[in-house]
Amino acid sequence: LILPCPYCGAELHIEEADWRDGAGVHCAHCNNDAVLQCEWIGH
């Protein structure tokens, strides 16, 4: 997964092993922590 940091916008690469709803992700660019969130679309 390549997602933008919610603090600085830097692209963060998240390995498949870490794809868990609620998992913590650290941004090395701005030194902040973010949370990975999953929303199911449709059904």
Full PDB file with SEQRES, HELIX, SHEET, SSBOND, CRYST1, ORIGX, SCALE, CONECT and MASTER records, all heavy atoms in Angstrom:
SEQRES   1 A   43  LEU ILE LEU PRO CYS PRO TYR CYS GLY ALA GLU LEU HIS          
SEQRES   2 A   43  ILE GLU GLU ALA ASP TRP ARG ASP GLY ALA GLY VAL HIS          
SEQRES   3 A   43  CYS ALA HIS CYS ASN ASN ASP ALA VAL LEU GLN CYS GLU          
SEQRES   4 A   43  TRP ILE GLY HIS                                              
HELIX    1 AA1 GLU A   16  ASP A   18  5                                   3    
SHEET    1 AA1 2 ILE A   2  PRO A   4  0                                        
SHEET    2 AA1 2 GLU A  11  HIS A  13 -1                                        
SHEET    1 AA2 2 GLY A  24  HIS A  26  0                                        
SHEET    2 AA2 2 ASP A  33  VAL A  35 -1                                        
CRYST1    1.000    1.000    1.000  90.00  90.00  90.00 P 1           1          
ORIGX1      1.000000  0.000000  0.000000        0.00000                         
ORIGX2      0.000000  1.000000  0.000000        0.00000                         
ORIGX3      0.000000  0.000000  1.000000        0.00000                         
SCALE1      1.000000  0.000000  0.000000        0.00000                         
SCALE2      0.000000  1.000000  0.000000        0.00000                         
SCALE3      0.000000  0.000000  1.000000        0.00000                         
ATOM      1  N   LEU A   1       0.859  -1.183   0.000  1.00  0.00           N  
ATOM      2  CA  LEU A   1       0.000   0.000   0.000  1.00  0.00           C  
ATOM      3  C   LEU A   1       0.894   1.230   0.000  1.00  0.00           C  
ATOM      4  O   LEU A   1       1.898   1.267   0.703  1.00  0.00           O  
ATOM      5  CB  LEU A   1      -0.861   0.041   1.262  1.00  0.00           C  
ATOM      6  CG  LEU A   1      -2.016  -0.927   1.379  1.00  0.00           C  
ATOM      7  CD1 LEU A   1      -2.634  -0.828   2.770  1.00  0.00           C  
ATOM      8  CD2 LEU A   1      -3.069  -0.641   0.329  1.00  0.00           C  
ATOM      9  N   ILE A   2       0.539   2.227  -0.759  1.00  0.00           N  
ATOM     10  CA  ILE A   2       1.249   3.504  -0.753  1.00  0.00           C  
ATOM     11  C   ILE A   2       0.204   4.563  -0.418  1.00  0.00           C  
ATOM     12  O   ILE A   2      -0.689   4.835  -1.216  1.00  0.00           O  
ATOM     13  CB  ILE A   2       1.919   3.797  -2.101  1.00  0.00           C  
ATOM     14  CG1 ILE A   2       2.910   2.694  -2.439  1.00  0.00           C  
ATOM     15  CG2 ILE A   2       2.601   5.159  -2.059  1.00  0.00           C  
ATOM     16  CD1 ILE A   2       3.494   2.798  -3.822  1.00  0.00           C  
ATOM     17  N   LEU A   3       0.306   5.092   0.798  1.00  0.00           N  
ATOM     18  CA  LEU A   3      -0.675   6.050   1.284  1.00  0.00           C  
ATOM     19  C   LEU A   3       0.022   7.312   1.779  1.00  0.00           C  
ATOM     20  O   LEU A   3       1.141   7.248   2.283  1.00  0.00           O  
ATOM     21  CB  LEU A   3      -1.475   5.430   2.440  1.00  0.00           C  
ATOM     22  CG  LEU A   3      -2.289   4.183   2.104  1.00  0.00           C  
ATOM     23  CD1 LEU A   3      -2.854   3.567   3.363  1.00  0.00           C  
ATOM     24  CD2 LEU A   3      -3.408   4.531   1.141  1.00  0.00           C  
ATOM     25  N   PRO A   4      -0.636   8.462   1.676  1.00  0.00           N  
ATOM     26  CA  PRO A   4      -0.019   9.699   2.155  1.00  0.00           C  
ATOM     27  C   PRO A   4      -0.105   9.820   3.676  1.00  0.00           C  
ATOM     28  O   PRO A   4      -1.109   9.449   4.283  1.00  0.00           O  
ATOM     29  CB  PRO A   4      -0.846  10.793   1.477  1.00  0.00           C  
ATOM     30  CG  PRO A   4      -2.182  10.168   1.269  1.00  0.00           C  
ATOM     31  CD  PRO A   4      -1.911   8.710   1.003  1.00  0.00           C  
ATOM     32  N   CYS A   5       0.937  10.346   4.271  1.00  0.00           N  
ATOM     33  CA  CYS A   5       0.942  10.630   5.701  1.00  0.00           C  
ATOM     34  C   CYS A   5      -0.102  11.716   5.964  1.00  0.00           C  
ATOM     35  O   CYS A   5      -0.128  12.722   5.259  1.00  0.00           O  
ATOM     36  CB  CYS A   5       2.326  11.113   6.133  1.00  0.00           C  
ATOM     37  SG  CYS A   5       2.384  11.726   7.831  1.00  0.00           S  
ATOM     38  N   PRO A   6      -0.959  11.541   6.988  1.00  0.00           N  
ATOM     39  CA  PRO A   6      -1.975  12.560   7.257  1.00  0.00           C  
ATOM     40  C   PRO A   6      -1.393  13.855   7.829  1.00  0.00           C  
ATOM     41  O   PRO A   6      -2.072  14.871   7.885  1.00  0.00           O  
ATOM     42  CB  PRO A   6      -2.900  11.892   8.269  1.00  0.00           C  
ATOM     43  CG  PRO A   6      -2.062  10.866   8.934  1.00  0.00           C  
ATOM     44  CD  PRO A   6      -1.084  10.401   7.894  1.00  0.00           C  
ATOM     45  N   TYR A   7      -0.133  13.842   8.246  1.00  0.00           N  
ATOM     46  CA  TYR A   7       0.505  15.024   8.822  1.00  0.00           C  
ATOM     47  C   TYR A   7       1.287  15.834   7.786  1.00  0.00           C  
ATOM     48  O   TYR A   7       1.166  17.041   7.721  1.00  0.00           O  
ATOM     49  CB  TYR A   7       1.449  14.628   9.959  1.00  0.00           C  
ATOM     50  CG  TYR A   7       0.742  13.962  11.105  1.00  0.00           C  
ATOM     51  CD1 TYR A   7       0.731  12.582  11.225  1.00  0.00           C  
ATOM     52  CD2 TYR A   7       0.089  14.720  12.069  1.00  0.00           C  
ATOM     53  CE1 TYR A   7       0.077  11.962  12.282  1.00  0.00           C  
ATOM     54  CE2 TYR A   7      -0.561  14.113  13.132  1.00  0.00           C  
ATOM     55  CZ  TYR A   7      -0.565  12.737  13.231  1.00  0.00           C  
ATOM     56  OH  TYR A   7      -1.212  12.126  14.271  1.00  0.00           O  
ATOM     57  N   CYS A   8       2.124  15.143   6.976  1.00  0.00           N  
ATOM     58  CA  CYS A   8       2.999  15.871   6.059  1.00  0.00           C  
ATOM     59  C   CYS A   8       2.770  15.546   4.585  1.00  0.00           C  
ATOM     60  O   CYS A   8       3.330  16.202   3.716  1.00  0.00           O  
ATOM     61  CB  CYS A   8       4.467  15.613   6.419  1.00  0.00           C  
ATOM     62  SG  CYS A   8       5.028  13.932   6.069  1.00  0.00           S  
ATOM     63  N   GLY A   9       1.993  14.510   4.286  1.00  0.00           N  
ATOM     64  CA  GLY A   9       1.695  14.156   2.911  1.00  0.00           C  
ATOM     65  C   GLY A   9       2.717  13.258   2.234  1.00  0.00           C  
ATOM     66  O   GLY A   9       2.538  12.892   1.076  1.00  0.00           O  
ATOM     67  N   ALA A  10       3.798  12.900   2.938  1.00  0.00           N  
ATOM     68  CA  ALA A  10       4.809  12.014   2.349  1.00  0.00           C  
ATOM     69  C   ALA A  10       4.196  10.642   2.056  1.00  0.00           C  
ATOM     70  O   ALA A  10       3.324  10.177   2.781  1.00  0.00           O  
ATOM     71  CB  ALA A  10       5.991  11.859   3.291  1.00  0.00           C  
ATOM     72  N   GLU A  11       4.647  10.004   0.977  1.00  0.00           N  
ATOM     73  CA  GLU A  11       4.152   8.677   0.638  1.00  0.00           C  
ATOM     74  C   GLU A  11       4.754   7.643   1.581  1.00  0.00           C  
ATOM     75  O   GLU A  11       5.984   7.561   1.714  1.00  0.00           O  
ATOM     76  CB  GLU A  11       4.501   8.321  -0.799  1.00  0.00           C  
ATOM     77  CG  GLU A  11       3.701   9.077  -1.822  1.00  0.00           C  
ATOM     78  CD  GLU A  11       3.955   8.581  -3.229  1.00  0.00           C  
ATOM     79  OE1 GLU A  11       4.926   7.825  -3.452  1.00  0.00           O  
ATOM     80  OE2 GLU A  11       3.183   8.977  -4.120  1.00  0.00           O  
ATOM     81  N   LEU A  12       3.898   6.856   2.208  1.00  0.00           N  
ATOM     82  CA  LEU A  12       4.352   5.789   3.096  1.00  0.00           C  
ATOM     83  C   LEU A  12       4.036   4.447   2.450  1.00  0.00           C  
ATOM     84  O   LEU A  12       2.907   4.209   2.016  1.00  0.00           O  
ATOM     85  CB  LEU A  12       3.667   5.897   4.456  1.00  0.00           C  
ATOM     86  CG  LEU A  12       3.892   7.202   5.210  1.00  0.00           C  
ATOM     87  CD1 LEU A  12       3.146   7.185   6.530  1.00  0.00           C  
ATOM     88  CD2 LEU A  12       5.364   7.444   5.440  1.00  0.00           C  
ATOM     89  N   HIS A  13       5.034   3.578   2.371  1.00  0.00           N  
ATOM     90  CA  HIS A  13       4.875   2.250   1.799  1.00  0.00           C  
ATOM     91  C   HIS A  13       4.612   1.284   2.937  1.00  0.00           C  
ATOM     92  O   HIS A  13       5.434   1.157   3.850  1.00  0.00           O  
ATOM     93  CB  HIS A  13       6.132   1.848   1.029  1.00  0.00           C  
ATOM     94  CG  HIS A  13       6.371   2.709  -0.169  1.00  0.00           C  
ATOM     95  ND1 HIS A  13       6.317   2.225  -1.440  1.00  0.00           N  
ATOM     96  CD2 HIS A  13       6.637   4.043  -0.291  1.00  0.00           C  
ATOM     97  CE1 HIS A  13       6.552   3.205  -2.299  1.00  0.00           C  
ATOM     98  NE2 HIS A  13       6.756   4.318  -1.623  1.00  0.00           N  
ATOM     99  N   ILE A  14       3.492   0.592   2.876  1.00  0.00           N  
ATOM    100  CA  ILE A  14       3.082  -0.303   3.950  1.00  0.00           C  
ATOM    101  C   ILE A  14       3.063  -1.720   3.403  1.00  0.00           C  
ATOM    102  O   ILE A  14       2.343  -2.030   2.443  1.00  0.00           O  
ATOM    103  CB  ILE A  14       1.702   0.102   4.492  1.00  0.00           C  
ATOM    104  CG1 ILE A  14       1.757   1.565   4.951  1.00  0.00           C  
ATOM    105  CG2 ILE A  14       1.279  -0.828   5.628  1.00  0.00           C  
ATOM    106  CD1 ILE A  14       0.428   2.192   5.183  1.00  0.00           C  
ATOM    107  N   GLU A  15       3.880  -2.568   3.997  1.00  0.00           N  
ATOM    108  CA  GLU A  15       4.006  -3.947   3.539  1.00  0.00           C  
ATOM    109  C   GLU A  15       2.740  -4.743   3.854  1.00  0.00           C  
ATOM    110  O   GLU A  15       2.029  -4.466   4.821  1.00  0.00           O  
ATOM    111  CB  GLU A  15       5.220  -4.615   4.177  1.00  0.00           C  
ATOM    112  CG  GLU A  15       6.540  -3.964   3.795  1.00  0.00           C  
ATOM    113  CD  GLU A  15       6.795  -4.012   2.303  1.00  0.00           C  
ATOM    114  OE1 GLU A  15       6.502  -5.030   1.659  1.00  0.00           O  
ATOM    115  OE2 GLU A  15       7.304  -3.007   1.773  1.00  0.00           O  
ATOM    116  N   GLU A  16       2.476  -5.750   3.042  1.00  0.00           N  
ATOM    117  CA  GLU A  16       1.269  -6.563   3.173  1.00  0.00           C  
ATOM    118  C   GLU A  16       1.110  -7.155   4.575  1.00  0.00           C  
ATOM    119  O   GLU A  16      -0.001  -7.239   5.091  1.00  0.00           O  
ATOM    120  CB  GLU A  16       1.284  -7.682   2.134  1.00  0.00           C  
ATOM    121  CG  GLU A  16       0.034  -8.518   2.138  1.00  0.00           C  
ATOM    122  CD  GLU A  16       0.036  -9.576   1.053  1.00  0.00           C  
ATOM    123  OE1 GLU A  16       1.052  -9.742   0.357  1.00  0.00           O  
ATOM    124  OE2 GLU A  16      -0.996 -10.242   0.914  1.00  0.00           O  
ATOM    125  N   ALA A  17       2.197  -7.529   5.216  1.00  0.00           N  
ATOM    126  CA  ALA A  17       2.129  -8.124   6.551  1.00  0.00           C  
ATOM    127  C   ALA A  17       1.564  -7.157   7.588  1.00  0.00           C  
ATOM    128  O   ALA A  17       1.075  -7.572   8.631  1.00  0.00           O  
ATOM    129  CB  ALA A  17       3.511  -8.601   6.985  1.00  0.00           C  
ATOM    130  N   ASP A  18       1.609  -5.862   7.298  1.00  0.00           N  
ATOM    131  CA  ASP A  18       1.135  -4.837   8.231  1.00  0.00           C  
ATOM    132  C   ASP A  18      -0.257  -4.318   7.896  1.00  0.00           C  
ATOM    133  O   ASP A  18      -0.727  -3.376   8.523  1.00  0.00           O  
ATOM    134  CB  ASP A  18       2.121  -3.668   8.262  1.00  0.00           C  
ATOM    135  CG  ASP A  18       3.480  -4.097   8.766  1.00  0.00           C  
ATOM    136  OD1 ASP A  18       3.532  -4.935   9.682  1.00  0.00           O  
ATOM    137  OD2 ASP A  18       4.486  -3.609   8.233  1.00  0.00           O  
ATOM    138  N   TRP A  19      -0.938  -4.911   6.923  1.00  0.00           N  
ATOM    139  CA  TRP A  19      -2.273  -4.464   6.527  1.00  0.00           C  
ATOM    140  C   TRP A  19      -3.294  -4.957   7.533  1.00  0.00           C  
ATOM    141  O   TRP A  19      -3.938  -5.982   7.347  1.00  0.00           O  
ATOM    142  CB  TRP A  19      -2.634  -4.988   5.150  1.00  0.00           C  
ATOM    143  CG  TRP A  19      -1.842  -4.413   4.022  1.00  0.00           C  
ATOM    144  CD1 TRP A  19      -0.911  -3.427   4.078  1.00  0.00           C  
ATOM    145  CD2 TRP A  19      -1.902  -4.817   2.658  1.00  0.00           C  
ATOM    146  NE1 TRP A  19      -0.392  -3.195   2.833  1.00  0.00           N  
ATOM    147  CE2 TRP A  19      -0.982  -4.022   1.954  1.00  0.00           C  
ATOM    148  CE3 TRP A  19      -2.640  -5.767   1.986  1.00  0.00           C  
ATOM    149  CZ2 TRP A  19      -0.794  -4.156   0.584  1.00  0.00           C  
ATOM    150  CZ3 TRP A  19      -2.459  -5.910   0.633  1.00  0.00           C  
ATOM    151  CH2 TRP A  19      -1.541  -5.105  -0.068  1.00  0.00           C  
ATOM    152  N   ARG A  20      -3.441  -4.228   8.626  1.00  0.00           N  
ATOM    153  CA  ARG A  20      -4.433  -4.548   9.654  1.00  0.00           C  
ATOM    154  C   ARG A  20      -5.153  -3.262  10.041  1.00  0.00           C  
ATOM    155  O   ARG A  20      -4.505  -2.234  10.277  1.00  0.00           O  
ATOM    156  CB  ARG A  20      -3.778  -5.138  10.895  1.00  0.00           C  
ATOM    157  CG  ARG A  20      -3.142  -6.488  10.678  1.00  0.00           C  
ATOM    158  CD  ARG A  20      -2.520  -7.027  11.955  1.00  0.00           C  
ATOM    159  NE  ARG A  20      -1.781  -6.053  12.738  1.00  0.00           N  
ATOM    160  CZ  ARG A  20      -0.522  -5.684  12.527  1.00  0.00           C  
ATOM    161  NH1 ARG A  20       0.160  -6.210  11.539  1.00  0.00           N  
ATOM    162  NH2 ARG A  20       0.061  -4.797  13.308  1.00  0.00           N  
ATOM    163  N   ASP A  21      -6.454  -3.324  10.119  1.00  0.00           N  
ATOM    164  CA  ASP A  21      -7.227  -2.161  10.540  1.00  0.00           C  
ATOM    165  C   ASP A  21      -6.802  -1.785  11.954  1.00  0.00           C  
ATOM    166  O   ASP A  21      -6.782  -2.619  12.846  1.00  0.00           O  
ATOM    167  CB  ASP A  21      -8.721  -2.498  10.496  1.00  0.00           C  
ATOM    168  CG  ASP A  21      -9.599  -1.281  10.648  1.00  0.00           C  
ATOM    169  OD1 ASP A  21      -9.161  -0.170  10.296  1.00  0.00           O  
ATOM    170  OD2 ASP A  21     -10.733  -1.442  11.118  1.00  0.00           O  
ATOM    171  N   GLY A  22      -6.388  -0.559  12.141  1.00  0.00           N  
ATOM    172  CA  GLY A  22      -5.950  -0.079  13.450  1.00  0.00           C  
ATOM    173  C   GLY A  22      -4.458  -0.194  13.695  1.00  0.00           C  
ATOM    174  O   GLY A  22      -3.979   0.181  14.757  1.00  0.00           O  
ATOM    175  N   ALA A  23      -3.703  -0.688  12.714  1.00  0.00           N  
ATOM    176  CA  ALA A  23      -2.257  -0.831  12.882  1.00  0.00           C  
ATOM    177  C   ALA A  23      -1.584   0.546  12.914  1.00  0.00           C  
ATOM    178  O   ALA A  23      -1.979   1.464  12.200  1.00  0.00           O  
ATOM    179  CB  ALA A  23      -1.666  -1.662  11.740  1.00  0.00           C  
ATOM    180  N   GLY A  24      -0.577   0.688  13.739  1.00  0.00           N  
ATOM    181  CA  GLY A  24       0.190   1.928  13.813  1.00  0.00           C  
ATOM    182  C   GLY A  24       1.242   1.983  12.724  1.00  0.00           C  
ATOM    183  O   GLY A  24       1.861   0.977  12.383  1.00  0.00           O  
ATOM    184  N   VAL A  25       1.435   3.165  12.156  1.00  0.00           N  
ATOM    185  CA  VAL A  25       2.423   3.397  11.102  1.00  0.00           C  
ATOM    186  C   VAL A  25       3.208   4.650  11.481  1.00  0.00           C  
ATOM    187  O   VAL A  25       2.628   5.663  11.845  1.00  0.00           O  
ATOM    188  CB  VAL A  25       1.731   3.595   9.734  1.00  0.00           C  
ATOM    189  CG1 VAL A  25       2.755   3.899   8.660  1.00  0.00           C  
ATOM    190  CG2 VAL A  25       0.907   2.382   9.367  1.00  0.00           C  
ATOM    191  N   HIS A  26       4.531   4.558  11.401  1.00  0.00           N  
ATOM    192  CA  HIS A  26       5.389   5.691  11.749  1.00  0.00           C  
ATOM    193  C   HIS A  26       5.909   6.358  10.485  1.00  0.00           C  
ATOM    194  O   HIS A  26       6.373   5.692   9.563  1.00  0.00           O  
ATOM    195  CB  HIS A  26       6.568   5.217  12.607  1.00  0.00           C  
ATOM    196  CG  HIS A  26       7.455   6.340  13.037  1.00  0.00           C  
ATOM    197  ND1 HIS A  26       7.107   7.209  14.038  1.00  0.00           N  
ATOM    198  CD2 HIS A  26       8.652   6.754  12.566  1.00  0.00           C  
ATOM    199  CE1 HIS A  26       8.072   8.106  14.191  1.00  0.00           C  
ATOM    200  NE2 HIS A  26       9.021   7.851  13.309  1.00  0.00           N  
ATOM    201  N   CYS A  27       5.825   7.685  10.426  1.00  0.00           N  
ATOM    202  CA  CYS A  27       6.352   8.439   9.290  1.00  0.00           C  
ATOM    203  C   CYS A  27       7.756   8.926   9.636  1.00  0.00           C  
ATOM    204  O   CYS A  27       7.933   9.700  10.580  1.00  0.00           O  
ATOM    205  CB  CYS A  27       5.445   9.630   8.974  1.00  0.00           C  
ATOM    206  SG  CYS A  27       6.077  10.628   7.597  1.00  0.00           S  
ATOM    207  N   ALA A  28       8.728   8.475   8.878  1.00  0.00           N  
ATOM    208  CA  ALA A  28      10.116   8.882   9.109  1.00  0.00           C  
ATOM    209  C   ALA A  28      10.361  10.324   8.655  1.00  0.00           C  
ATOM    210  O   ALA A  28      11.314  10.952   9.107  1.00  0.00           O  
ATOM    211  CB  ALA A  28      11.057   7.940   8.368  1.00  0.00           C  
ATOM    212  N   HIS A  29       9.511  10.853   7.790  1.00  0.00           N  
ATOM    213  CA  HIS A  29       9.691  12.213   7.285  1.00  0.00           C  
ATOM    214  C   HIS A  29       9.364  13.271   8.335  1.00  0.00           C  
ATOM    215  O   HIS A  29      10.087  14.241   8.493  1.00  0.00           O  
ATOM    216  CB  HIS A  29       8.835  12.445   6.038  1.00  0.00           C  
ATOM    217  CG  HIS A  29       9.199  11.550   4.909  1.00  0.00           C  
ATOM    218  ND1 HIS A  29      10.244  11.806   4.056  1.00  0.00           N  
ATOM    219  CD2 HIS A  29       8.674  10.369   4.501  1.00  0.00           C  
ATOM    220  CE1 HIS A  29      10.341  10.839   3.172  1.00  0.00           C  
ATOM    221  NE2 HIS A  29       9.389   9.950   3.415  1.00  0.00           N  
ATOM    222  N   CYS A  30       8.243  13.093   9.055  1.00  0.00           N  
ATOM    223  CA  CYS A  30       7.827  14.105  10.029  1.00  0.00           C  
ATOM    224  C   CYS A  30       7.847  13.582  11.470  1.00  0.00           C  
ATOM    225  O   CYS A  30       7.516  14.308  12.395  1.00  0.00           O  
ATOM    226  CB  CYS A  30       6.438  14.642   9.690  1.00  0.00           C  
ATOM    227  SG  CYS A  30       5.099  13.439   9.835  1.00  0.00           S  
ATOM    228  N   ASN A  31       8.222  12.300  11.627  1.00  0.00           N  
ATOM    229  CA  ASN A  31       8.372  11.680  12.948  1.00  0.00           C  
ATOM    230  C   ASN A  31       7.057  11.589  13.726  1.00  0.00           C  
ATOM    231  O   ASN A  31       7.048  11.620  14.947  1.00  0.00           O  
ATOM    232  CB  ASN A  31       9.429  12.407  13.775  1.00  0.00           C  
ATOM    233  CG  ASN A  31      10.002  11.500  14.841  1.00  0.00           C  
ATOM    234  OD1 ASN A  31      10.126  10.302  14.644  1.00  0.00           O  
ATOM    235  ND2 ASN A  31      10.337  12.065  15.981  1.00  0.00           N  
ATOM    236  N   ASN A  32       5.930  11.486  13.015  1.00  0.00           N  
ATOM    237  CA  ASN A  32       4.629  11.313  13.654  1.00  0.00           C  
ATOM    238  C   ASN A  32       4.120   9.900  13.434  1.00  0.00           C  
ATOM    239  O   ASN A  32       4.553   9.207  12.511  1.00  0.00           O  
ATOM    240  CB  ASN A  32       3.608  12.311  13.077  1.00  0.00           C  
ATOM    241  CG  ASN A  32       3.794  13.693  13.635  1.00  0.00           C  
ATOM    242  OD1 ASN A  32       3.805  13.895  14.837  1.00  0.00           O  
ATOM    243  ND2 ASN A  32       3.950  14.666  12.752  1.00  0.00           N  
ATOM    244  N   ASP A  33       3.188   9.486  14.269  1.00  0.00           N  
ATOM    245  CA  ASP A  33       2.549   8.180  14.136  1.00  0.00           C  
ATOM    246  C   ASP A  33       1.144   8.363  13.589  1.00  0.00           C  
ATOM    247  O   ASP A  33       0.439   9.303  13.950  1.00  0.00           O  
ATOM    248  CB  ASP A  33       2.485   7.467  15.483  1.00  0.00           C  
ATOM    249  CG  ASP A  33       3.862   7.108  16.000  1.00  0.00           C  
ATOM    250  OD1 ASP A  33       4.701   6.675  15.179  1.00  0.00           O  
ATOM    251  OD2 ASP A  33       4.095   7.233  17.209  1.00  0.00           O  
ATOM    252  N   ALA A  34       0.743   7.451  12.714  1.00  0.00           N  
ATOM    253  CA  ALA A  34      -0.589   7.455  12.127  1.00  0.00           C  
ATOM    254  C   ALA A  34      -1.206   6.075  12.334  1.00  0.00           C  
ATOM    255  O   ALA A  34      -0.527   5.135  12.752  1.00  0.00           O  
ATOM    256  CB  ALA A  34      -0.517   7.795  10.641  1.00  0.00           C  
ATOM    257  N   VAL A  35      -2.485   5.956  12.033  1.00  0.00           N  
ATOM    258  CA  VAL A  35      -3.208   4.697  12.201  1.00  0.00           C  
ATOM    259  C   VAL A  35      -3.781   4.290  10.846  1.00  0.00           C  
ATOM    260  O   VAL A  35      -4.398   5.095  10.151  1.00  0.00           O  
ATOM    261  CB  VAL A  35      -4.346   4.850  13.234  1.00  0.00           C  
ATOM    262  CG1 VAL A  35      -5.164   3.580  13.333  1.00  0.00           C  
ATOM    263  CG2 VAL A  35      -3.779   5.221  14.591  1.00  0.00           C  
ATOM    264  N   LEU A  36      -3.563   3.024  10.485  1.00  0.00           N  
ATOM    265  CA  LEU A  36      -4.111   2.479   9.251  1.00  0.00           C  
ATOM    266  C   LEU A  36      -5.575   2.134   9.483  1.00  0.00           C  
ATOM    267  O   LEU A  36      -5.916   1.459  10.456  1.00  0.00           O  
ATOM    268  CB  LEU A  36      -3.322   1.236   8.840  1.00  0.00           C  
ATOM    269  CG  LEU A  36      -3.644   0.603   7.496  1.00  0.00           C  
ATOM    270  CD1 LEU A  36      -3.404   1.592   6.360  1.00  0.00           C  
ATOM    271  CD2 LEU A  36      -2.804  -0.644   7.294  1.00  0.00           C  
ATOM    272  N   GLN A  37      -6.436   2.621   8.601  1.00  0.00           N  
ATOM    273  CA  GLN A  37      -7.867   2.422   8.778  1.00  0.00           C  
ATOM    274  C   GLN A  37      -8.455   1.826   7.507  1.00  0.00           C  
ATOM    275  O   GLN A  37      -8.126   2.253   6.407  1.00  0.00           O  
ATOM    276  CB  GLN A  37      -8.520   3.767   9.083  1.00  0.00           C  
ATOM    277  CG  GLN A  37      -9.966   3.688   9.487  1.00  0.00           C  
ATOM    278  CD  GLN A  37     -10.462   5.057   9.903  1.00  0.00           C  
ATOM    279  OE1 GLN A  37     -10.496   5.983   9.094  1.00  0.00           O  
ATOM    280  NE2 GLN A  37     -10.820   5.197  11.154  1.00  0.00           N  
ATOM    281  N   CYS A  38      -9.329   0.829   7.684  1.00  0.00           N  
ATOM    282  CA  CYS A  38      -9.976   0.175   6.553  1.00  0.00           C  
ATOM    283  C   CYS A  38     -11.475   0.425   6.605  1.00  0.00           C  
ATOM    284  O   CYS A  38     -12.099   0.260   7.652  1.00  0.00           O  
ATOM    285  CB  CYS A  38      -9.708  -1.328   6.584  1.00  0.00           C  
ATOM    286  SG  CYS A  38     -10.487  -2.221   5.224  1.00  0.00           S  
ATOM    287  N   GLU A  39     -12.024   0.813   5.461  1.00  0.00           N  
ATOM    288  CA  GLU A  39     -13.466   0.984   5.331  1.00  0.00           C  
ATOM    289  C   GLU A  39     -13.912   0.118   4.162  1.00  0.00           C  
ATOM    290  O   GLU A  39     -13.333   0.174   3.082  1.00  0.00           O  
ATOM    291  CB  GLU A  39     -13.804   2.446   5.071  1.00  0.00           C  
ATOM    292  CG  GLU A  39     -15.278   2.700   4.898  1.00  0.00           C  
ATOM    293  CD  GLU A  39     -15.577   4.159   4.621  1.00  0.00           C  
ATOM    294  OE1 GLU A  39     -14.709   5.016   4.852  1.00  0.00           O  
ATOM    295  OE2 GLU A  39     -16.682   4.432   4.156  1.00  0.00           O  
ATOM    296  N   TRP A  40     -14.919  -0.717   4.402  1.00  0.00           N  
ATOM    297  CA  TRP A  40     -15.417  -1.598   3.352  1.00  0.00           C  
ATOM    298  C   TRP A  40     -16.488  -0.873   2.556  1.00  0.00           C  
ATOM    299  O   TRP A  40     -17.460  -0.375   3.105  1.00  0.00           O  
ATOM    300  CB  TRP A  40     -15.933  -2.901   3.946  1.00  0.00           C  
ATOM    301  CG  TRP A  40     -14.801  -3.716   4.461  1.00  0.00           C  
ATOM    302  CD1 TRP A  40     -14.325  -3.734   5.731  1.00  0.00           C  
ATOM    303  CD2 TRP A  40     -13.965  -4.591   3.720  1.00  0.00           C  
ATOM    304  NE1 TRP A  40     -13.241  -4.567   5.827  1.00  0.00           N  
ATOM    305  CE2 TRP A  40     -13.001  -5.110   4.606  1.00  0.00           C  
ATOM    306  CE3 TRP A  40     -13.933  -4.992   2.388  1.00  0.00           C  
ATOM    307  CZ2 TRP A  40     -12.024  -6.014   4.202  1.00  0.00           C  
ATOM    308  CZ3 TRP A  40     -12.956  -5.900   1.999  1.00  0.00           C  
ATOM    309  CH2 TRP A  40     -12.027  -6.390   2.895  1.00  0.00           C  
ATOM    310  N   ILE A  41     -16.311  -0.821   1.242  1.00  0.00           N  
ATOM    311  CA  ILE A  41     -17.205  -0.114   0.337  1.00  0.00           C  
ATOM    312  C   ILE A  41     -18.229  -1.100  -0.226  1.00  0.00           C  
ATOM    313  O   ILE A  41     -17.922  -2.262  -0.468  1.00  0.00           O  
ATOM    314  CB  ILE A  41     -16.411   0.528  -0.824  1.00  0.00           C  
ATOM    315  CG1 ILE A  41     -15.289   1.413  -0.274  1.00  0.00           C  
ATOM    316  CG2 ILE A  41     -17.320   1.311  -1.749  1.00  0.00           C  
ATOM    317  CD1 ILE A  41     -15.746   2.528   0.625  1.00  0.00           C  
ATOM    318  N   GLY A  42     -19.408  -0.618  -0.480  1.00  0.00           N  
ATOM    319  CA  GLY A  42     -20.464  -1.477  -1.026  1.00  0.00           C  
ATOM    320  C   GLY A  42     -20.946  -2.450   0.029  1.00  0.00           C  
ATOM    321  O   GLY A  42     -21.235  -2.077   1.156  1.00  0.00           O  
ATOM    322  N   HIS A  43     -20.977  -3.689  -0.310  1.00  0.00           N  
ATOM    323  CA  HIS A  43     -21.427  -4.723   0.622  1.00  0.00           C  
ATOM    324  C   HIS A  43     -20.241  -5.505   1.182  1.00  0.00           C  
ATOM    325  O   HIS A  43     -20.308  -6.720   1.345  1.00  0.00           O  
ATOM    326  CB  HIS A  43     -22.416  -5.668  -0.068  1.00  0.00           C  
ATOM    327  CG  HIS A  43     -23.679  -4.980  -0.467  1.00  0.00           C  
ATOM    328  ND1 HIS A  43     -24.643  -4.619   0.438  1.00  0.00           N  
ATOM    329  CD2 HIS A  43     -24.127  -4.558  -1.678  1.00  0.00           C  
ATOM    330  CE1 HIS A  43     -25.628  -4.013  -0.186  1.00  0.00           C  
ATOM    331  NE2 HIS A  43     -25.336  -3.956  -1.475  1.00  0.00           N  
TER     332      HIS A  43                                                      
MASTER        0    0    0    1    4    0    0    6  331    1    0    4          
END                                                                             
